[in-house]
Each structure stands twice: as C-alpha cells, then as structure tokens.
C-alpha cells in the first residue's frame, strides 16, 4: 500500500470554510493530517479510510489473482 500516494491525494483537497489545504504526512503505517479545522479533519479522515480500504482490496486482488482456477 502506497501511503505517500494517499497523502498526496489528501493534500489536493481544500477546506470549504477556510479555503486552505491540509498537510498530510505519511508515517510508518498511518498518515498524520494537519489542517485548519476539526470538520475538515473529519472529512479527510473519512477519505483516508476509504482510500486505504481501496488500496488493501487492490493489493489482495493482486495477491490472490490466479488462485482458484
């Protein structure tokens, strides 16, 4: 899973209230998000969870591709 890719996607977002971009820093197994308000942080956290889920699903599909044939 590429956390840097997910962090870059999060940094493209803008807060609808403050028109500011967040700072997303990939760590060993998570991403730290710094942003202007809690509402925006919640939105970004939900997006991050969704993107991580997609990445894991894709990784699993790649890992098990060809099994069961």
PDB file of N, CA and C in Angstrom:
ATOM      1  N   UNK A   1       0.849  -1.176   0.000  1.00  0.00           N
ATOM      2  CA  UNK A   1       0.000   0.000   0.000  1.00  0.00           C
ATOM      3  C   UNK A   1       0.897   1.243   0.000  1.00  0.00           C
ATOM      4  N   UNK A   2       0.553   2.190  -0.859  1.00  0.00           N
ATOM      5  CA  UNK A   2       1.365   3.397  -1.017  1.00  0.00           C
ATOM      6  C   UNK A   2       0.744   4.559  -0.234  1.00  0.00           C
ATOM      7  N   UNK A   3       1.217   4.758   0.996  1.00  0.00           N
ATOM      8  CA  UNK A   3       0.681   5.837   1.833  1.00  0.00           C
ATOM      9  C   UNK A   3       1.042   7.221   1.297  1.00  0.00           C
ATOM     10  N   UNK A   4       2.159   7.315   0.597  1.00  0.00           N
ATOM     11  CA  UNK A   4       2.540   8.611   0.014  1.00  0.00           C
ATOM     12  C   UNK A   4       1.531   9.054  -1.041  1.00  0.00           C
ATOM     13  N   UNK A   5       1.065   8.104  -1.837  1.00  0.00           N
ATOM     14  CA  UNK A   5       0.059   8.399  -2.865  1.00  0.00           C
ATOM     15  C   UNK A   5      -1.240   8.886  -2.210  1.00  0.00           C
ATOM     16  N   UNK A   6      -1.659   8.215  -1.159  1.00  0.00           N
ATOM     17  CA  UNK A   6      -2.869   8.606  -0.443  1.00  0.00           C
ATOM     18  C   UNK A   6      -2.687   9.987   0.175  1.00  0.00           C
ATOM     19  N   UNK A   7      -1.525  10.243   0.767  1.00  0.00           N
ATOM     20  CA  UNK A   7      -1.247  11.553   1.370  1.00  0.00           C
ATOM     21  C   UNK A   7      -1.305  12.662   0.314  1.00  0.00           C
ATOM     22  N   UNK A   8      -0.755  12.403  -0.870  1.00  0.00           N
ATOM     23  CA  UNK A   8      -0.807  13.407  -1.947  1.00  0.00           C
ATOM     24  C   UNK A   8      -2.250  13.693  -2.353  1.00  0.00           C
ATOM     25  N   UNK A   9      -3.070  12.641  -2.424  1.00  0.00           N
ATOM     26  CA  UNK A   9      -4.490  12.832  -2.758  1.00  0.00           C
ATOM     27  C   UNK A   9      -5.189  13.678  -1.701  1.00  0.00           C
ATOM     28  N   UNK A  10      -4.878  13.444  -0.438  1.00  0.00           N
ATOM     29  CA  UNK A  10      -5.500  14.227   0.635  1.00  0.00           C
ATOM     30  C   UNK A  10      -5.075  15.693   0.561  1.00  0.00           C
ATOM     31  N   UNK A  11      -3.828  15.935   0.192  1.00  0.00           N
ATOM     32  CA  UNK A  11      -3.319  17.307   0.124  1.00  0.00           C
ATOM     33  C   UNK A  11      -3.910  18.106  -1.042  1.00  0.00           C
ATOM     34  N   UNK A  12      -4.593  17.449  -1.945  1.00  0.00           N
ATOM     35  CA  UNK A  12      -5.265  18.146  -3.055  1.00  0.00           C
ATOM     36  C   UNK A  12      -6.600  18.748  -2.635  1.00  0.00           C
ATOM     37  N   UNK A  13      -7.104  18.296  -1.502  1.00  0.00           N
ATOM     38  CA  UNK A  13      -8.394  18.789  -1.006  1.00  0.00           C
ATOM     39  C   UNK A  13      -8.254  20.208  -0.448  1.00  0.00           C
ATOM     40  N   UNK A  14      -9.361  20.935  -0.432  1.00  0.00           N
ATOM     41  CA  UNK A  14      -9.401  22.272   0.178  1.00  0.00           C
ATOM     42  C   UNK A  14     -10.584  22.341   1.143  1.00  0.00           C
ATOM     43  N   UNK A  15     -10.381  23.030   2.245  1.00  0.00           N
ATOM     44  CA  UNK A  15     -11.442  23.237   3.229  1.00  0.00           C
ATOM     45  C   UNK A  15     -12.488  24.162   2.616  1.00  0.00           C
ATOM     46  N   UNK A  16     -13.753  23.778   2.704  1.00  0.00           N
ATOM     47  CA  UNK A  16     -14.823  24.592   2.132  1.00  0.00           C
ATOM     48  C   UNK A  16     -15.059  25.874   2.932  1.00  0.00           C
ATOM     49  N   UNK A  17     -14.720  25.857   4.209  1.00  0.00           N
ATOM     50  CA  UNK A  17     -14.913  27.055   5.044  1.00  0.00           C
ATOM     51  C   UNK A  17     -13.741  28.025   4.954  1.00  0.00           C
ATOM     52  N   UNK A  18     -12.516  27.500   4.989  1.00  0.00           N
ATOM     53  CA  UNK A  18     -11.324  28.343   5.108  1.00  0.00           C
ATOM     54  C   UNK A  18     -10.468  28.389   3.835  1.00  0.00           C
ATOM     55  N   UNK A  19     -10.843  27.593   2.845  1.00  0.00           N
ATOM     56  CA  UNK A  19     -10.134  27.527   1.567  1.00  0.00           C
ATOM     57  C   UNK A  19      -8.643  27.213   1.747  1.00  0.00           C
ATOM     58  N   UNK A  20      -8.326  26.383   2.725  1.00  0.00           N
ATOM     59  CA  UNK A  20      -6.937  26.006   2.988  1.00  0.00           C
ATOM     60  C   UNK A  20      -6.721  24.533   2.664  1.00  0.00           C
ATOM     61  N   UNK A  21      -5.481  24.209   2.324  1.00  0.00           N
ATOM     62  CA  UNK A  21      -5.099  22.831   2.048  1.00  0.00           C
ATOM     63  C   UNK A  21      -4.488  22.210   3.302  1.00  0.00           C
ATOM     64  N   UNK A  22      -4.663  20.913   3.466  1.00  0.00           N
ATOM     65  CA  UNK A  22      -4.068  20.232   4.622  1.00  0.00           C
ATOM     66  C   UNK A  22      -2.627  19.840   4.353  1.00  0.00           C
ATOM     67  N   UNK A  23      -1.955  19.410   5.402  1.00  0.00           N
ATOM     68  CA  UNK A  23      -0.635  18.813   5.306  1.00  0.00           C
ATOM     69  C   UNK A  23      -0.788  17.363   5.764  1.00  0.00           C
ATOM     70  N   UNK A  24      -0.540  16.431   4.857  1.00  0.00           N
ATOM     71  CA  UNK A  24      -0.654  15.009   5.165  1.00  0.00           C
ATOM     72  C   UNK A  24       0.740  14.397   5.142  1.00  0.00           C
ATOM     73  N   UNK A  25       1.156  13.826   6.267  1.00  0.00           N
ATOM     74  CA  UNK A  25       2.494  13.265   6.395  1.00  0.00           C
ATOM     75  C   UNK A  25       2.408  11.754   6.600  1.00  0.00           C
ATOM     76  N   UNK A  26       2.887  10.984   5.621  1.00  0.00           N
ATOM     77  CA  UNK A  26       2.873   9.528   5.788  1.00  0.00           C
ATOM     78  C   UNK A  26       3.849   9.099   6.884  1.00  0.00           C
ATOM     79  N   UNK A  27       3.384   8.248   7.761  1.00  0.00           N
ATOM     80  CA  UNK A  27       4.225   7.658   8.803  1.00  0.00           C
ATOM     81  C   UNK A  27       4.437   6.189   8.450  1.00  0.00           C
ATOM     82  N   UNK A  28       4.945   5.438   9.358  1.00  0.00           N
ATOM     83  CA  UNK A  28       5.248   4.027   9.091  1.00  0.00           C
ATOM     84  C   UNK A  28       4.017   3.245   8.624  1.00  0.00           C
ATOM     85  N   UNK A  29       2.911   3.362   9.352  1.00  0.00           N
ATOM     86  CA  UNK A  29       1.705   2.622   8.973  1.00  0.00           C
ATOM     87  C   UNK A  29       0.441   3.472   9.095  1.00  0.00           C
ATOM     88  N   UNK A  30       0.601   4.797   9.005  1.00  0.00           N
ATOM     89  CA  UNK A  30      -0.551   5.700   9.063  1.00  0.00           C
ATOM     90  C   UNK A  30      -0.185   7.028   8.403  1.00  0.00           C
ATOM     91  N   UNK A  31      -1.122   7.948   8.427  1.00  0.00           N
ATOM     92  CA  UNK A  31      -0.898   9.277   7.865  1.00  0.00           C
ATOM     93  C   UNK A  31      -1.335  10.302   8.895  1.00  0.00           C
ATOM     94  N   UNK A  32      -0.438  11.237   9.233  1.00  0.00           N
ATOM     95  CA  UNK A  32      -0.785  12.350  10.126  1.00  0.00           C
ATOM     96  C   UNK A  32      -1.362  13.478   9.276  1.00  0.00           C
ATOM     97  N   UNK A  33      -2.488  14.024   9.721  1.00  0.00           N
ATOM     98  CA  UNK A  33      -3.141  15.100   8.982  1.00  0.00           C
ATOM     99  C   UNK A  33      -3.169  16.357   9.844  1.00  0.00           C
ATOM    100  N   UNK A  34      -2.628  17.447   9.304  1.00  0.00           N
ATOM    101  CA  UNK A  34      -2.696  18.763   9.950  1.00  0.00           C
ATOM    102  C   UNK A  34      -3.563  19.645   9.066  1.00  0.00           C
ATOM    103  N   UNK A  35      -4.582  20.243   9.655  1.00  0.00           N
ATOM    104  CA  UNK A  35      -5.457  21.097   8.862  1.00  0.00           C
ATOM    105  C   UNK A  35      -6.090  22.176   9.737  1.00  0.00           C
ATOM    106  N   UNK A  36      -6.910  23.007   9.103  1.00  0.00           N
ATOM    107  CA  UNK A  36      -7.409  24.226   9.735  1.00  0.00           C
ATOM    108  C   UNK A  36      -8.538  24.013  10.743  1.00  0.00           C
ATOM    109  N   UNK A  37      -9.348  22.975  10.580  1.00  0.00           N
ATOM    110  CA  UNK A  37     -10.489  22.802  11.494  1.00  0.00           C
ATOM    111  C   UNK A  37     -10.855  21.325  11.650  1.00  0.00           C
ATOM    112  N   UNK A  38     -11.591  21.042  12.690  1.00  0.00           N
ATOM    113  CA  UNK A  38     -11.966  19.671  13.010  1.00  0.00           C
ATOM    114  C   UNK A  38     -12.919  19.081  11.966  1.00  0.00           C
ATOM    115  N   UNK A  39     -13.801  19.892  11.431  1.00  0.00           N
ATOM    116  CA  UNK A  39     -14.740  19.422  10.404  1.00  0.00           C
ATOM    117  C   UNK A  39     -13.991  18.918   9.165  1.00  0.00           C
ATOM    118  N   UNK A  40     -12.993  19.673   8.744  1.00  0.00           N
ATOM    119  CA  UNK A  40     -12.176  19.289   7.595  1.00  0.00           C
ATOM    120  C   UNK A  40     -11.361  18.047   7.919  1.00  0.00           C
ATOM    121  N   UNK A  41     -10.838  17.955   9.132  1.00  0.00           N
ATOM    122  CA  UNK A  41     -10.079  16.776   9.557  1.00  0.00           C
ATOM    123  C   UNK A  41     -10.949  15.517   9.489  1.00  0.00           C
ATOM    124  N   UNK A  42     -12.203  15.644   9.919  1.00  0.00           N
ATOM    125  CA  UNK A  42     -13.130  14.510   9.865  1.00  0.00           C
ATOM    126  C   UNK A  42     -13.359  14.068   8.422  1.00  0.00           C
ATOM    127  N   UNK A  43     -13.566  15.049   7.542  1.00  0.00           N
ATOM    128  CA  UNK A  43     -13.759  14.740   6.118  1.00  0.00           C
ATOM    129  C   UNK A  43     -12.532  14.026   5.552  1.00  0.00           C
ATOM    130  N   UNK A  44     -11.350  14.539   5.863  1.00  0.00           N
ATOM    131  CA  UNK A  44     -10.109  13.942   5.356  1.00  0.00           C
ATOM    132  C   UNK A  44      -9.869  12.551   5.939  1.00  0.00           C
ATOM    133  N   UNK A  45     -10.192  12.374   7.210  1.00  0.00           N
ATOM    134  CA  UNK A  45     -10.019  11.067   7.848  1.00  0.00           C
ATOM    135  C   UNK A  45     -10.922  10.031   7.179  1.00  0.00           C
ATOM    136  N   UNK A  46     -12.155  10.420   6.870  1.00  0.00           N
ATOM    137  CA  UNK A  46     -13.067   9.510   6.181  1.00  0.00           C
ATOM    138  C   UNK A  46     -12.545   9.167   4.789  1.00  0.00           C
ATOM    139  N   UNK A  47     -12.051  10.173   4.083  1.00  0.00           N
ATOM    140  CA  UNK A  47     -11.497   9.935   2.748  1.00  0.00           C
ATOM    141  C   UNK A  47     -10.274   9.033   2.837  1.00  0.00           C
ATOM    142  N   UNK A  48      -9.413   9.273   3.818  1.00  0.00           N
ATOM    143  CA  UNK A  48      -8.223   8.455   4.004  1.00  0.00           C
ATOM    144  C   UNK A  48      -8.613   6.997   4.254  1.00  0.00           C
ATOM    145  N   UNK A  49      -9.586   6.772   5.115  1.00  0.00           N
ATOM    146  CA  UNK A  49     -10.035   5.403   5.409  1.00  0.00           C
ATOM    147  C   UNK A  49     -10.551   4.718   4.152  1.00  0.00           C
ATOM    148  N   UNK A  50     -11.316   5.447   3.368  1.00  0.00           N
ATOM    149  CA  UNK A  50     -11.864   4.915   2.126  1.00  0.00           C
ATOM    150  C   UNK A  50     -10.746   4.556   1.144  1.00  0.00           C
ATOM    151  N   UNK A  51      -9.766   5.428   0.998  1.00  0.00           N
ATOM    152  CA  UNK A  51      -8.668   5.171   0.072  1.00  0.00           C
ATOM    153  C   UNK A  51      -7.788   4.016   0.543  1.00  0.00           C
ATOM    154  N   UNK A  52      -7.563   3.917   1.840  1.00  0.00           N
ATOM    155  CA  UNK A  52      -6.782   2.790   2.373  1.00  0.00           C
ATOM    156  C   UNK A  52      -7.523   1.484   2.109  1.00  0.00           C
ATOM    157  N   UNK A  53      -8.824   1.491   2.310  1.00  0.00           N
ATOM    158  CA  UNK A  53      -9.637   0.293   2.050  1.00  0.00           C
ATOM    159  C   UNK A  53      -9.504  -0.132   0.589  1.00  0.00           C
ATOM    160  N   UNK A  54      -9.587   0.828  -0.339  1.00  0.00           N
ATOM    161  CA  UNK A  54      -9.450   0.510  -1.766  1.00  0.00           C
ATOM    162  C   UNK A  54      -8.071  -0.067  -2.070  1.00  0.00           C
ATOM    163  N   UNK A  55      -7.033   0.537  -1.492  1.00  0.00           N
ATOM    164  CA  UNK A  55      -5.662   0.053  -1.715  1.00  0.00           C
ATOM    165  C   UNK A  55      -5.498  -1.379  -1.201  1.00  0.00           C
ATOM    166  N   UNK A  56      -6.040  -1.668  -0.023  1.00  0.00           N
ATOM    167  CA  UNK A  56      -5.935  -3.018   0.543  1.00  0.00           C
ATOM    168  C   UNK A  56      -6.682  -4.015  -0.337  1.00  0.00           C
ATOM    169  N   UNK A  57      -7.884  -3.638  -0.791  1.00  0.00           N
ATOM    170  CA  UNK A  57      -8.646  -4.522  -1.668  1.00  0.00           C
ATOM    171  C   UNK A  57      -7.881  -4.799  -2.955  1.00  0.00           C
ATOM    172  N   UNK A  58      -7.281  -3.770  -3.538  1.00  0.00           N
ATOM    173  CA  UNK A  58      -6.496  -3.959  -4.758  1.00  0.00           C
ATOM    174  C   UNK A  58      -5.287  -4.854  -4.509  1.00  0.00           C
ATOM    175  N   UNK A  59      -4.614  -4.643  -3.381  1.00  0.00           N
ATOM    176  CA  UNK A  59      -3.455  -5.474  -3.038  1.00  0.00           C
ATOM    177  C   UNK A  59      -3.861  -6.938  -2.872  1.00  0.00           C
ATOM    178  N   UNK A  60      -5.006  -7.161  -2.224  1.00  0.00           N
ATOM    179  CA  UNK A  60      -5.476  -8.541  -2.033  1.00  0.00           C
ATOM    180  C   UNK A  60      -5.854  -9.182  -3.365  1.00  0.00           C
ATOM    181  N   UNK A  61      -6.504  -8.424  -4.235  1.00  0.00           N
ATOM    182  CA  UNK A  61      -6.863  -8.968  -5.551  1.00  0.00           C
ATOM    183  C   UNK A  61      -5.625  -9.360  -6.334  1.00  0.00           C
ATOM    184  N   UNK A  62      -4.591  -8.510  -6.267  1.00  0.00           N
ATOM    185  CA  UNK A  62      -3.339  -8.820  -6.959  1.00  0.00           C
ATOM    186  C   UNK A  62      -2.674 -10.057  -6.356  1.00  0.00           C
ATOM    187  N   UNK A  63      -2.711 -10.161  -5.030  1.00  0.00           N
ATOM    188  CA  UNK A  63      -2.055 -11.276  -4.349  1.00  0.00           C
ATOM    189  C   UNK A  63      -2.736 -12.609  -4.655  1.00  0.00           C
ATOM    190  N   UNK A  64      -4.059 -12.581  -4.786  1.00  0.00           N
ATOM    191  CA  UNK A  64      -4.797 -13.825  -4.986  1.00  0.00           C
ATOM    192  C   UNK A  64      -5.220 -14.058  -6.431  1.00  0.00           C
ATOM    193  N   UNK A  65      -4.760 -13.211  -7.321  1.00  0.00           N
ATOM    194  CA  UNK A  65      -5.078 -13.376  -8.737  1.00  0.00           C
ATOM    195  C   UNK A  65      -4.494 -14.699  -9.229  1.00  0.00           C
ATOM    196  N   UNK A  66      -5.322 -15.473  -9.857  1.00  0.00           N
ATOM    197  CA  UNK A  66      -4.856 -16.757 -10.372  1.00  0.00           C
ATOM    198  C   UNK A  66      -5.157 -17.934  -9.464  1.00  0.00           C
ATOM    199  N   UNK A  67      -5.475 -17.674  -8.190  1.00  0.00           N
ATOM    200  CA  UNK A  67      -5.848 -18.770  -7.286  1.00  0.00           C
ATOM    201  C   UNK A  67      -7.282 -19.194  -7.583  1.00  0.00           C
ATOM    202  N   UNK A  68      -7.548 -20.457  -7.435  1.00  0.00           N
ATOM    203  CA  UNK A  68      -8.903 -20.967  -7.602  1.00  0.00           C
ATOM    204  C   UNK A  68      -9.262 -21.273  -9.041  1.00  0.00           C
ATOM    205  N   UNK A  69      -8.280 -21.230  -9.920  1.00  0.00           N
ATOM    206  CA  UNK A  69      -8.567 -21.557 -11.325  1.00  0.00           C
ATOM    207  C   UNK A  69      -8.243 -22.988 -11.605  1.00  0.00           C
TER     208      UNK A  69
END
